[in-house]
Protein backbone atom coordinates (compact mmCIF):
# COMPACT_ATOMS: atom_id res chain seq x y z
CA UNK A 1 93.90 132.76 189.35
CA UNK A 2 95.45 135.89 187.78
CA UNK A 3 93.64 137.37 184.85
CA UNK A 4 96.42 136.51 182.40
CA UNK A 5 96.28 132.86 183.51
CA UNK A 6 92.53 132.85 182.93
CA UNK A 7 93.09 134.26 179.47
CA UNK A 8 95.66 131.56 178.78
CA UNK A 9 93.18 128.91 179.93
CA UNK A 10 90.50 130.30 177.60
CA UNK A 11 92.95 130.31 174.69
CA UNK A 12 94.05 126.77 175.54
CA UNK A 13 90.44 125.52 175.64
CA UNK A 14 89.70 127.21 172.30
CA UNK A 15 92.83 125.67 170.78
CA UNK A 16 91.89 122.19 172.03
CA UNK A 17 88.35 122.54 170.70
CA UNK A 18 89.62 123.69 167.30
CA UNK A 19 92.20 120.90 167.22
CA UNK A 20 89.54 118.28 167.98
CA UNK A 21 87.25 119.79 165.35
CA UNK A 22 90.03 119.84 162.75
CA UNK A 23 91.22 116.32 163.53
CA UNK A 24 87.72 114.87 163.60
CA UNK A 25 86.68 116.71 160.45
CA UNK A 26 89.85 115.53 158.70
CA UNK A 27 89.20 111.88 159.54
CA UNK A 28 85.50 112.07 158.69
CA UNK A 29 86.09 114.13 155.53
CA UNK A 30 88.75 111.80 154.18
CA UNK A 31 86.77 108.66 154.96
CA UNK A 32 83.55 110.15 153.61
CA UNK A 33 85.29 111.34 150.47
CA UNK A 34 86.95 107.96 149.89
CA UNK A 35 83.64 106.20 150.53
CA UNK A 36 81.74 108.52 148.20
CA UNK A 37 84.37 108.25 145.47
CA UNK A 38 84.15 104.46 145.67
CA UNK A 39 80.38 104.82 145.64
CA UNK A 40 80.56 106.87 142.44
CA UNK A 41 83.34 105.08 140.55
CA UNK A 42 81.56 101.74 140.79
CA UNK A 43 78.94 103.29 138.49
CA UNK A 44 81.33 102.90 135.52
CA UNK A 45 81.40 99.05 135.49
CA UNK A 46 77.89 98.86 136.99
CA UNK A 47 76.33 100.82 134.11
CA UNK A 48 78.35 98.89 131.54
CA UNK A 49 77.21 95.50 132.90
CA UNK A 50 73.57 96.56 133.42
CA UNK A 51 73.06 97.36 129.73
CA UNK A 52 72.97 100.36 127.37
CA UNK A 53 73.05 103.93 128.81
CA UNK A 54 69.25 104.33 128.62
CA UNK A 55 68.67 101.04 130.46
CA UNK A 56 71.36 102.02 132.96
CA UNK A 57 69.69 105.34 133.74
CA UNK A 58 66.32 103.67 134.30
CA UNK A 59 68.01 101.05 136.52
CA UNK A 60 69.63 103.88 138.45
CA UNK A 61 66.21 105.51 138.89
CA UNK A 62 64.82 102.21 140.24
CA UNK A 63 67.78 101.99 142.64
CA UNK A 64 67.17 105.57 143.76
CA UNK A 65 63.44 105.00 144.39
CA UNK A 66 64.15 102.03 146.65
CA UNK A 67 66.87 103.90 148.51
CA UNK A 68 64.71 106.98 149.08
CA UNK A 69 62.09 104.97 150.97
CA UNK A 70 64.79 103.00 152.77
CA UNK A 71 66.43 106.21 153.99
CA UNK A 72 63.11 107.51 155.31
CA UNK A 73 62.54 104.29 157.28
CA UNK A 74 66.17 104.31 158.39
CA UNK A 75 65.76 107.85 159.73
CA UNK A 76 62.77 106.65 161.76
CA UNK A 77 64.60 103.51 162.93
CA UNK A 78 67.68 105.44 164.00
CA UNK A 79 65.44 108.30 165.18
CA UNK A 80 68.40 110.62 165.58
CA UNK A 81 69.61 108.48 168.49
CA UNK A 82 73.31 108.26 167.46
CA UNK A 83 73.60 112.06 167.27
CA UNK A 84 71.56 112.41 170.46
CA UNK A 85 73.66 109.78 172.24
CA UNK A 86 76.88 111.47 171.13
CA UNK A 87 75.58 114.86 172.30
CA UNK A 88 74.25 113.66 175.67
CA UNK A 89 77.25 111.43 176.46
CA UNK A 90 79.54 114.40 175.81
CA UNK A 91 77.23 116.51 177.96
CA UNK A 92 77.48 114.10 180.93
CA UNK A 93 81.23 113.58 180.56
CA UNK A 94 81.78 117.35 180.46
CA UNK A 95 80.09 117.43 183.90
CA UNK A 96 82.13 114.46 185.17
CA UNK A 97 79.18 112.02 185.20
CA UNK A 98 80.97 109.18 183.38
CA UNK A 99 78.83 106.35 184.79
CA UNK A 100 75.62 107.98 183.60
CA UNK A 101 77.19 108.47 180.18
CA UNK A 102 77.96 104.75 179.97
CA UNK A 103 74.46 103.70 181.07
CA UNK A 104 73.02 106.07 178.49
CA UNK A 105 74.99 104.29 175.76
CA UNK A 106 73.85 100.82 176.88
CA UNK A 107 70.20 101.90 176.97
CA UNK A 108 70.51 103.43 173.51
CA UNK A 109 72.03 100.24 172.10
CA UNK A 110 69.06 98.17 173.29
CA UNK A 111 66.63 100.75 171.93
CA UNK A 112 68.34 100.81 168.52
CA UNK A 113 68.32 97.03 168.18
CA UNK A 114 64.57 96.89 168.82
CA UNK A 115 63.62 99.81 166.56
CA UNK A 116 65.78 98.45 163.74
CA UNK A 117 63.93 95.13 163.75
CA UNK A 118 60.50 96.78 164.02
CA UNK A 119 61.13 99.25 161.18
CA UNK A 120 62.56 96.48 158.98
CA UNK A 121 59.32 94.51 159.40
CA UNK A 122 57.22 97.60 158.63
CA UNK A 123 59.20 98.34 155.45
CA UNK A 124 58.72 94.76 154.25
CA UNK A 125 54.95 94.92 154.80
CA UNK A 126 54.57 98.43 153.34
CA UNK A 127 56.54 97.76 150.14
CA UNK A 128 53.50 97.04 147.86
CA UNK A 129 51.70 100.22 148.96
CA UNK A 130 54.84 102.34 148.54
CA UNK A 131 55.50 101.12 144.99
CA UNK A 132 52.47 102.72 143.33
CA UNK A 133 52.46 105.71 140.91
CA UNK A 134 56.24 106.13 140.86
CA UNK A 135 58.61 107.02 137.97
CA UNK A 136 59.56 103.37 137.35
CA UNK A 137 58.70 100.77 134.72
CA UNK A 138 56.94 98.15 136.89
CA UNK A 139 55.55 98.19 140.43
CA UNK A 140 56.74 94.64 141.19
CA UNK A 141 60.32 95.73 140.47
CA UNK A 142 60.00 98.50 143.06
CA UNK A 143 58.63 96.00 145.62
CA UNK A 144 61.62 93.71 145.02
CA UNK A 145 64.13 96.53 145.46
CA UNK A 146 62.47 97.92 148.59
CA UNK A 147 62.33 94.51 150.27
CA UNK A 148 65.97 93.80 149.42
CA UNK A 149 66.85 96.66 151.80
CA UNK A 150 65.04 95.13 154.79
CA UNK A 151 68.10 93.23 156.19
CA UNK A 152 70.20 96.41 156.08
CA UNK A 153 67.48 98.35 157.89
CA UNK A 154 67.54 95.76 160.67
CA UNK A 155 71.27 96.12 161.47
CA UNK A 156 72.29 99.66 160.51
CA UNK A 157 70.70 101.27 163.62
CA UNK A 158 73.09 99.17 165.73
CA UNK A 159 75.99 100.31 163.55
CA UNK A 160 74.95 103.94 163.98
CA UNK A 161 74.79 103.73 167.77
CA UNK A 162 78.29 102.23 167.87
CA UNK A 163 79.59 105.13 165.79
CA UNK A 164 77.81 107.62 168.05
CA UNK A 165 79.49 106.08 171.09
CA UNK A 166 82.96 106.52 169.63
CA UNK A 167 82.18 110.10 168.56
CA UNK A 168 81.06 110.99 172.10
CA UNK A 169 84.69 110.46 173.13
CA UNK A 170 85.67 112.76 170.24
CA UNK A 171 87.24 109.70 168.58
CA UNK A 172 86.41 109.99 164.88
CA UNK A 173 89.11 107.68 163.49
CA UNK A 174 87.24 104.44 164.24
CA UNK A 175 83.98 105.69 162.71
CA UNK A 176 85.87 106.99 159.71
CA UNK A 177 87.64 103.70 159.01
CA UNK A 178 84.40 101.75 159.45
CA UNK A 179 82.80 103.91 156.74
CA UNK A 180 85.53 102.93 154.29
CA UNK A 181 85.37 99.19 155.08
CA UNK A 182 81.57 99.36 154.82
CA UNK A 183 81.73 100.92 151.37
CA UNK A 184 84.42 98.56 150.06
CA UNK A 185 82.42 95.50 151.13
CA UNK A 186 79.17 96.94 149.74
CA UNK A 187 80.60 97.82 146.34
CA UNK A 188 82.51 94.54 146.02
CA UNK A 189 79.35 92.49 146.59
CA UNK A 190 77.33 94.77 144.31
CA UNK A 191 79.68 94.51 141.34
CA UNK A 192 80.13 90.75 141.64
CA UNK A 193 76.36 90.27 141.86
CA UNK A 194 75.57 92.51 138.88
CA UNK A 195 78.25 90.88 136.71
CA UNK A 196 77.01 87.38 137.51
CA UNK A 197 73.32 88.25 137.04
CA UNK A 198 73.55 90.36 133.87
CA UNK A 199 76.67 89.10 132.10
CA UNK A 200 76.81 85.41 133.02
CA UNK A 201 73.18 84.47 133.72
CA UNK A 202 71.45 87.10 131.53
CA UNK A 203 69.13 87.88 134.46
CA UNK A 204 66.70 90.77 134.80
CA UNK A 205 67.57 94.38 135.54
CA UNK A 206 65.32 94.28 138.62
CA UNK A 207 67.23 91.30 140.06
CA UNK A 208 70.56 93.07 139.50
CA UNK A 209 69.28 96.25 141.17
CA UNK A 210 67.83 94.20 144.04
CA UNK A 211 71.19 92.62 144.79
CA UNK A 212 72.83 96.05 144.45
CA UNK A 213 70.61 97.41 147.21
CA UNK A 214 70.97 94.25 149.35
CA UNK A 215 74.70 95.01 149.36
CA UNK A 216 73.99 97.66 152.03
CA UNK A 217 73.49 94.79 154.51
CA UNK A 218 76.86 93.24 153.62
CA UNK A 219 78.59 96.59 154.14
CA UNK A 220 76.88 97.20 157.48
CA UNK A 221 77.98 93.83 158.88
CA UNK A 222 81.60 94.49 157.88
CA UNK A 223 81.46 97.98 159.47
CA UNK A 224 80.13 96.55 162.76
CA UNK A 225 82.97 94.01 162.80
CA UNK A 226 85.44 96.88 162.23
CA UNK A 227 84.10 98.91 165.19
CA UNK A 228 84.03 95.89 167.52
CA UNK A 229 87.66 95.20 166.62
CA UNK A 230 88.71 98.75 167.55
CA UNK A 231 86.74 98.68 170.78
CA UNK A 232 88.35 95.40 171.90
CA UNK A 233 91.80 96.65 170.94
CA UNK A 234 91.47 100.02 172.72
CA UNK A 235 88.97 99.16 175.47
CA UNK A 236 91.27 100.38 178.26
CA UNK A 237 90.86 104.02 177.20
CA UNK A 238 87.06 103.76 177.51
CA UNK A 239 87.11 102.57 181.13
CA UNK A 240 85.82 104.73 183.98
CA UNK A 241 88.45 106.99 185.62
CA UNK A 242 90.27 105.32 188.50
CA UNK A 243 88.48 105.88 191.80
CA UNK A 244 85.32 107.18 190.11
CA UNK A 245 82.07 106.64 192.03
CA UNK A 246 78.76 107.07 190.19
CA UNK A 247 76.62 109.29 192.43
CA UNK A 248 73.99 110.05 189.79
CA UNK A 249 70.81 108.11 190.50
CA UNK A 250 69.07 108.72 187.17
CA UNK A 251 67.01 105.61 186.35
CA UNK A 252 67.29 103.66 183.10
CA UNK A 253 63.70 104.62 182.30
CA UNK A 254 64.59 108.30 182.64
CA UNK A 255 67.64 107.82 180.43
CA UNK A 256 65.53 106.18 177.71
CA UNK A 257 63.02 109.02 177.92
CA UNK A 258 65.89 111.50 177.64
CA UNK A 259 67.21 109.71 174.55
CA UNK A 260 63.81 109.90 172.86
CA UNK A 261 63.31 113.55 173.86
CA UNK A 262 66.64 114.62 172.41
CA UNK A 263 66.47 112.25 169.43
CA UNK A 264 63.12 113.31 167.96
CA UNK A 265 64.43 116.66 166.68
CA UNK A 266 67.50 114.89 165.28
CA UNK A 267 65.36 112.45 163.29
CA UNK A 268 63.30 115.27 161.84
CA UNK A 269 66.28 117.42 160.91
CA UNK A 270 68.36 114.44 159.80
CA UNK A 271 65.72 113.19 157.38
CA UNK A 272 65.00 116.49 155.62
CA UNK A 273 67.04 115.58 152.52
CA UNK A 274 65.08 112.34 152.20
CA UNK A 275 61.82 114.23 152.76
CA UNK A 276 62.72 116.64 149.94
CA UNK A 277 63.54 113.68 147.69
CA UNK A 278 60.28 112.01 148.72
CA UNK A 279 58.37 115.12 147.66
CA UNK A 280 60.10 114.97 144.27
CA UNK A 281 59.45 111.24 143.93
CA UNK A 282 55.72 111.52 144.63
CA UNK A 283 54.93 114.85 142.94
CA UNK A 284 57.24 114.86 139.92
CA UNK A 285 55.33 112.42 137.71
CA UNK A 286 51.75 113.66 138.30
CA UNK A 287 52.78 117.33 138.08
CA UNK A 288 54.91 116.87 134.96
CA UNK A 289 52.11 114.94 133.25
CA UNK A 290 49.93 118.02 133.77
CA UNK A 291 52.43 120.66 132.62
CA UNK A 292 54.47 118.74 130.02
CA UNK A 293 53.82 116.85 126.79
CA UNK A 294 56.82 114.55 127.25
CA UNK A 295 56.07 110.79 127.08
CA UNK A 296 56.20 108.64 130.22
CA UNK A 297 59.48 107.00 129.21
CA UNK A 298 61.19 110.37 128.76
CA UNK A 299 59.92 111.61 132.13
CA UNK A 300 61.32 108.50 133.82
CA UNK A 301 64.64 109.14 132.08
CA UNK A 302 64.82 112.81 133.16
CA UNK A 303 63.89 111.87 136.72
CA UNK A 304 66.68 109.29 136.70
CA UNK A 305 69.17 111.88 135.46
CA UNK A 306 68.53 114.53 138.15
CA UNK A 307 67.40 112.41 141.11
CA UNK A 308 69.70 109.42 140.65
CA UNK A 309 72.64 110.17 138.35
CA UNK A 310 73.37 113.76 139.41
CA UNK A 311 72.46 113.18 143.04
CA UNK A 312 74.89 110.27 143.36
CA UNK A 313 77.77 112.45 142.12
CA UNK A 314 77.13 115.33 144.53
CA UNK A 315 77.21 112.90 147.45
CA UNK A 316 81.00 113.22 147.17
CA UNK A 317 80.72 116.95 147.84
CA UNK A 318 78.11 116.59 150.57
CA UNK A 319 80.33 114.11 152.40
CA UNK A 320 82.54 117.05 153.43
CA UNK A 321 79.61 118.91 154.99
CA UNK A 322 78.36 115.75 156.68
CA UNK A 323 81.79 115.17 158.20
CA UNK A 324 82.05 118.74 159.50
CA UNK A 325 78.48 118.64 160.85
CA UNK A 326 78.86 115.32 162.67
CA UNK A 327 82.18 116.42 164.17
CA UNK A 328 80.82 119.79 165.29
CA UNK A 329 78.07 118.33 167.53
CA UNK A 330 80.22 117.00 170.42
CA UNK A 331 82.73 119.87 170.10
CA UNK A 332 80.10 122.64 170.16
CA UNK A 333 78.15 120.82 172.90
CA UNK A 334 81.23 120.46 175.09
CA UNK A 335 82.20 124.13 174.68
CA UNK A 336 78.66 125.48 175.03
CA UNK A 337 77.81 123.40 178.14
CA UNK A 338 81.01 124.48 179.90
CA UNK A 339 80.32 128.17 179.21
CA UNK A 340 76.65 127.85 180.13
CA UNK A 341 77.51 126.07 183.40
CA UNK A 342 80.10 128.75 184.24
CA UNK A 343 77.54 131.49 183.54
CA UNK A 344 74.87 129.88 185.75
CA UNK A 345 77.30 129.44 188.65
CA UNK A 346 78.58 133.01 188.35
CA UNK A 347 75.02 134.36 188.22
CA UNK A 348 74.36 132.98 191.72
CA UNK A 349 76.92 135.32 193.29
CA UNK A 350 77.12 138.31 190.97
CA UNK A 351 75.39 140.03 188.09
CA UNK A 352 77.00 138.82 184.89
CA UNK A 353 75.98 138.73 181.25
CA UNK A 354 76.00 135.47 179.34
CA UNK A 355 79.19 135.23 177.29
CA UNK A 356 79.75 132.47 174.78
CA UNK A 357 83.11 133.61 173.46
CA UNK A 358 84.58 130.14 172.97
CA UNK A 359 81.36 128.74 171.50
CA UNK A 360 81.16 131.66 169.08
CA UNK A 361 84.77 131.07 168.02
CA UNK A 362 84.16 127.34 167.48
CA UNK A 363 81.09 128.12 165.34
CA UNK A 364 83.02 130.67 163.28
CA UNK A 365 85.80 128.13 162.85
CA UNK A 366 83.24 125.54 161.71
CA UNK A 367 81.76 127.93 159.13
CA UNK A 368 85.24 128.86 157.95
CA UNK A 369 86.15 125.20 157.54
CA UNK A 370 82.89 124.59 155.67
CA UNK A 371 83.49 127.44 153.22
CA UNK A 372 87.10 126.45 152.54
CA UNK A 373 86.07 122.91 151.62
CA UNK A 374 82.56 123.15 150.20
CA UNK A 375 82.82 126.23 147.98
CA UNK A 376 85.69 124.98 145.78
CA UNK A 377 84.30 121.43 145.74
CA UNK A 378 80.78 122.48 144.67
CA UNK A 379 81.76 125.19 142.20
CA UNK A 380 84.56 123.04 140.81
CA UNK A 381 82.17 120.13 140.26
CA UNK A 382 79.76 122.45 138.45
CA UNK A 383 82.58 123.53 136.14
CA UNK A 384 83.67 119.98 135.22
CA UNK A 385 80.15 118.51 135.17
CA UNK A 386 80.39 117.56 131.48
CA UNK A 387 83.50 115.36 131.63
CA UNK A 388 82.43 113.92 135.02
CA UNK A 389 79.04 112.84 133.67
CA UNK A 390 80.55 111.37 130.53
CA UNK A 391 83.24 109.51 132.48
CA UNK A 392 80.74 107.94 134.88
CA UNK A 393 77.79 107.25 132.61
CA UNK A 394 79.53 106.62 129.30
CA UNK A 395 77.70 109.17 127.13
CA UNK A 396 78.02 112.87 126.38
CA UNK A 397 74.64 114.16 127.57
CA UNK A 398 74.08 117.95 127.66
CA UNK A 399 71.01 117.36 129.83
CA UNK A 400 73.03 115.31 132.32
CA UNK A 401 75.76 117.98 132.35
CA UNK A 402 73.23 120.76 133.02
CA UNK A 403 71.43 118.85 135.77
CA UNK A 404 74.74 118.00 137.44
CA UNK A 405 75.74 121.68 137.35
CA UNK A 406 72.49 122.68 139.08
CA UNK A 407 72.89 119.88 141.63
CA UNK A 408 76.47 120.95 142.37
CA UNK A 409 75.35 124.48 143.18
CA UNK A 410 72.47 123.04 145.25
CA UNK A 411 75.05 121.15 147.33
CA UNK A 412 76.19 124.45 148.93
CA UNK A 413 72.92 125.32 150.75
CA UNK A 414 72.29 121.61 151.42
CA UNK A 415 75.69 121.27 153.07
CA UNK A 416 75.36 124.54 154.99
CA UNK A 417 71.97 123.40 156.27
CA UNK A 418 73.45 120.19 157.68
CA UNK A 419 76.13 122.17 159.53
CA UNK A 420 73.85 124.90 160.89
CA UNK A 421 71.10 122.57 162.08
CA UNK A 422 73.64 120.40 163.91
CA UNK A 423 75.21 123.47 165.55
CA UNK A 424 71.79 124.67 166.69
CA UNK A 425 70.90 121.30 168.18
CA UNK A 426 74.32 121.02 169.81
CA UNK A 427 73.28 124.15 171.74
CA UNK A 428 70.06 122.39 172.78
CA UNK A 429 67.74 124.53 170.63
CA UNK A 430 65.80 121.66 169.06
CA UNK A 431 62.49 123.52 168.96
CA UNK A 432 63.61 126.21 166.53
CA UNK A 433 65.58 123.63 164.56
CA UNK A 434 62.29 121.83 163.86
CA UNK A 435 60.51 125.10 163.06
CA UNK A 436 63.11 125.72 160.36
CA UNK A 437 62.46 122.26 158.91
CA UNK A 438 58.72 122.93 158.74
CA UNK A 439 59.32 126.25 156.98
CA UNK A 440 61.62 124.59 154.44
CA UNK A 441 59.17 121.79 153.62
CA UNK A 442 56.31 124.29 153.21
CA UNK A 443 58.49 126.38 150.89
CA UNK A 444 59.31 123.29 148.78
CA UNK A 445 55.63 122.32 148.49
CA UNK A 446 54.55 125.85 147.56
CA UNK A 447 57.06 126.46 144.76
CA UNK A 448 57.30 122.89 143.36
CA UNK A 449 54.39 123.07 140.91
CA UNK A 450 54.99 126.57 139.48
CA UNK A 451 58.72 125.93 139.03
CA UNK A 452 58.07 122.60 137.27
CA UNK A 453 55.55 124.38 135.04
CA UNK A 454 58.02 127.13 134.11
CA UNK A 455 61.34 125.26 133.94
CA UNK A 456 60.39 121.61 133.42
CA UNK A 457 62.22 118.85 135.30
CA UNK A 458 64.94 121.17 136.59
CA UNK A 459 62.27 123.16 138.42
CA UNK A 460 62.27 120.46 141.11
CA UNK A 461 65.92 121.27 141.83
CA UNK A 462 65.24 125.01 141.92
CA UNK A 463 62.47 124.37 144.45
CA UNK A 464 64.90 122.40 146.63
CA UNK A 465 67.51 125.18 146.42
CA UNK A 466 64.97 127.77 147.59
CA UNK A 467 63.90 125.53 150.48
CA UNK A 468 67.47 124.98 151.74
CA UNK A 469 68.45 128.65 151.33
CA UNK A 470 65.37 129.66 153.33
CA UNK A 471 66.22 127.23 156.15
CA UNK A 472 69.87 128.35 156.25
CA UNK A 473 68.89 132.02 156.53
CA UNK A 474 66.51 131.20 159.39
CA UNK A 475 69.14 129.20 161.30
CA UNK A 476 71.83 131.86 160.85
CA UNK A 477 69.56 134.51 162.36
CA UNK A 478 68.90 132.28 165.40
CA UNK A 479 72.57 131.41 165.94
CA UNK A 480 73.53 135.07 165.59
CA UNK A 481 71.15 136.06 168.39
CA UNK A 482 72.07 133.12 170.63
CA UNK A 483 75.86 133.56 170.75
CA UNK A 484 76.15 137.16 169.53
CA UNK A 485 77.54 136.04 166.17
CA UNK A 486 78.11 139.09 163.99
CA UNK A 487 77.47 139.06 160.25
CA UNK A 488 80.72 140.94 159.64
CA UNK A 489 82.69 138.23 161.44
CA UNK A 490 81.01 135.50 159.36
CA UNK A 491 81.66 137.30 156.07
CA UNK A 492 85.30 137.92 156.96
CA UNK A 493 85.77 134.16 157.50
CA UNK A 494 84.15 133.42 154.12
CA UNK A 495 86.03 135.99 152.04
CA UNK A 496 89.20 133.93 151.66
CA UNK A 497 87.35 130.91 150.25
CA UNK A 498 85.27 133.10 147.92
CA UNK A 499 88.31 134.86 146.43
CA UNK A 500 90.30 131.65 146.01
CA UNK A 501 87.32 129.84 144.48
CA UNK A 502 86.76 132.71 142.05
CA UNK A 503 90.39 132.59 140.90
CA UNK A 504 90.19 128.80 140.52
CA UNK A 505 87.02 129.07 138.42
CA UNK A 506 88.54 131.75 136.19
CA UNK A 507 91.64 129.73 135.32
CA UNK A 508 89.83 126.39 135.00
CA UNK A 509 87.10 128.07 132.95
CA UNK A 510 89.66 129.31 130.41
CA UNK A 511 91.17 125.82 130.25
CA UNK A 512 87.73 124.29 129.70
CA UNK A 513 87.02 126.68 126.81
CA UNK A 514 90.37 125.67 125.29
CA UNK A 515 89.48 121.97 125.54
CA UNK A 516 86.05 122.53 123.95
CA UNK A 517 87.50 124.52 121.05
CA UNK A 518 90.49 122.26 120.37
CA UNK A 519 89.13 118.80 121.29
CA UNK A 520 85.35 119.17 121.08
CA UNK A 521 83.19 116.43 122.60
CA UNK A 522 85.67 113.79 123.86
CA UNK A 523 85.16 110.07 124.41
CA UNK A 524 85.35 108.51 127.89
CA UNK A 525 89.17 108.45 127.88
CA UNK A 526 89.29 112.05 126.70
CA UNK A 527 86.85 113.03 129.45
CA UNK A 528 89.15 111.39 132.02
CA UNK A 529 92.21 113.28 130.74
CA UNK A 530 90.25 116.54 130.64
CA UNK A 531 88.99 115.99 134.19
CA UNK A 532 92.44 115.15 135.57
CA UNK A 533 93.98 118.28 134.04
CA UNK A 534 91.20 120.59 135.23
CA UNK A 535 91.13 119.08 138.72
CA UNK A 536 94.92 119.24 139.11
CA UNK A 537 95.21 122.83 137.91
CA UNK A 538 92.18 123.94 139.93
CA UNK A 539 93.42 122.30 143.13
CA UNK A 540 96.91 123.75 142.66
CA UNK A 541 95.59 127.29 142.13
CA UNK A 542 93.17 127.05 145.05
CA UNK A 543 95.70 125.63 147.53
CA UNK A 544 98.29 128.28 146.61
CA UNK A 545 95.69 131.03 146.96
CA UNK A 546 94.45 130.00 150.42
CA UNK A 547 98.03 129.28 151.47
CA UNK A 548 99.02 132.85 150.65
CA UNK A 549 96.05 134.23 152.62
CA UNK A 550 96.86 131.93 155.59
CA UNK A 551 93.46 130.23 155.24
CA UNK A 552 95.13 126.87 154.60
CA UNK A 553 96.16 126.89 158.28
CA UNK A 554 92.51 126.29 159.18
CA UNK A 555 92.42 123.01 157.22
CA UNK A 556 95.82 121.39 157.77
CA UNK A 557 97.22 123.33 160.73
CA UNK A 558 99.76 126.13 161.02
CA UNK A 559 102.88 123.93 160.99
CA UNK A 560 102.02 122.00 157.82
CA UNK A 561 100.76 125.14 156.07
CA UNK A 562 104.01 126.95 156.89
CA UNK A 563 106.02 124.10 155.38
CA UNK A 564 103.97 124.33 152.20
CA UNK A 565 104.48 128.09 151.99
CA UNK A 566 108.21 127.66 152.43
CA UNK A 567 108.28 124.97 149.73
CA UNK A 568 106.58 127.28 147.21
CA UNK A 569 108.43 130.37 148.53
CA UNK A 570 105.19 132.13 149.45
CA UNK A 571 105.63 135.08 151.77
């Protein structure tokens, strides 16, 4: 093949990889954002029906405690298998071993069904022991909430493996739609249950929270039905290629061992956010009782504000990073395996140096996409934290505003961590991915007490920020050495998002000062109007800025970006 044809093939492969990454990220980002928005907006009627704002915050803290333990058990039950299945299926299909890929999926499905049931039973039995010495009013309430999540824990591993199977084919649409249907069903059941229990029957807060957490099971069942529907409708495109003969003799036992081997690092890296929250949940109360004179009730309230109220809001922002990270795994794996295979074959006949040009470009594209989405979302949320908190929780709370601002900034290293650790594992470097996790957890444990002593409750968030920044720096150094990723190239991809975000913050900041001087502290309706104006102006300024610098092409594609530039007469 002539050299120019080889170059064209390389460019074509890069373009296809970027297109798949953009399309998948778009589907996953939109669905995640819609799901998270639904998952935040339901708070408005939920808090109103639960009781007064103070009762609502304590109920939210109880909800958060139950969910933190549930997510830890879910991470063990899933054990990183969906991500591992997606990665390994893509790996086999990239080598033309389609039959092995299919057998891998079937083995993983059986494994997930069994582990889901086992972990559900363990969570039920462990609930009383897990409910002690926590920032909640009564231990029996925590037991009730934890056990209400057992049915969801039994079925969600199956849901996750189905999503992983679709993503292995680089088909993100089905997974994305199932996320939305899951959230709609969950929130619908939750709101109906809370209204009936608190408003009609005058039931307890614990019962209302218990049904709110049980709603996860309802959502999971609806999501499974959604995925089964899409598989039946489109099953022809998932059939083996015509004339294909499976010559790979890998046994089912070996495939299961391979799943576990690849999955263990995924479960460790995938559960780090829950581990950080678990550290907060189990160290916050005893440490704060040593370094603070605040009463128990006030400590429970502050914990609810930063670990439940603020955390729930930033899930909207983190959904973008999660979408980019989950999409990057099969794309980076496919590109990296092809280049690695080519290098190994070429090395047999001639002396060549390993070159990961396409992989490096895909990683740079991923980081660029992350910066263009996460920086404005996180910094913008920090700017409008006051009206957002008041709109959702019904009160103007300077403490809630401040904690939400810190959490919004924390979302940047948290999101970057999720992207970098997935990229590293997509390149089969699980060992150093786990080393980074260990370093981050040690950092969190070391700085937790002194930062709580100096800053109070917000010190827990500062400790988390330091832990995630430390892990991100470690992963960037590894990726740089592995694919010859230059710092200058990374910074050049980030500069457009930084400049546009800075301009957006400047203009929205002036508007916010105007609102505070002219309007003062608004009511809930005023907060909504203020938020809509700030969000609209900020989005308009940001989109125009990245459109002018051609960075918008990365998000929506060159054709659509060109149309937008023509519409606004941008040169």
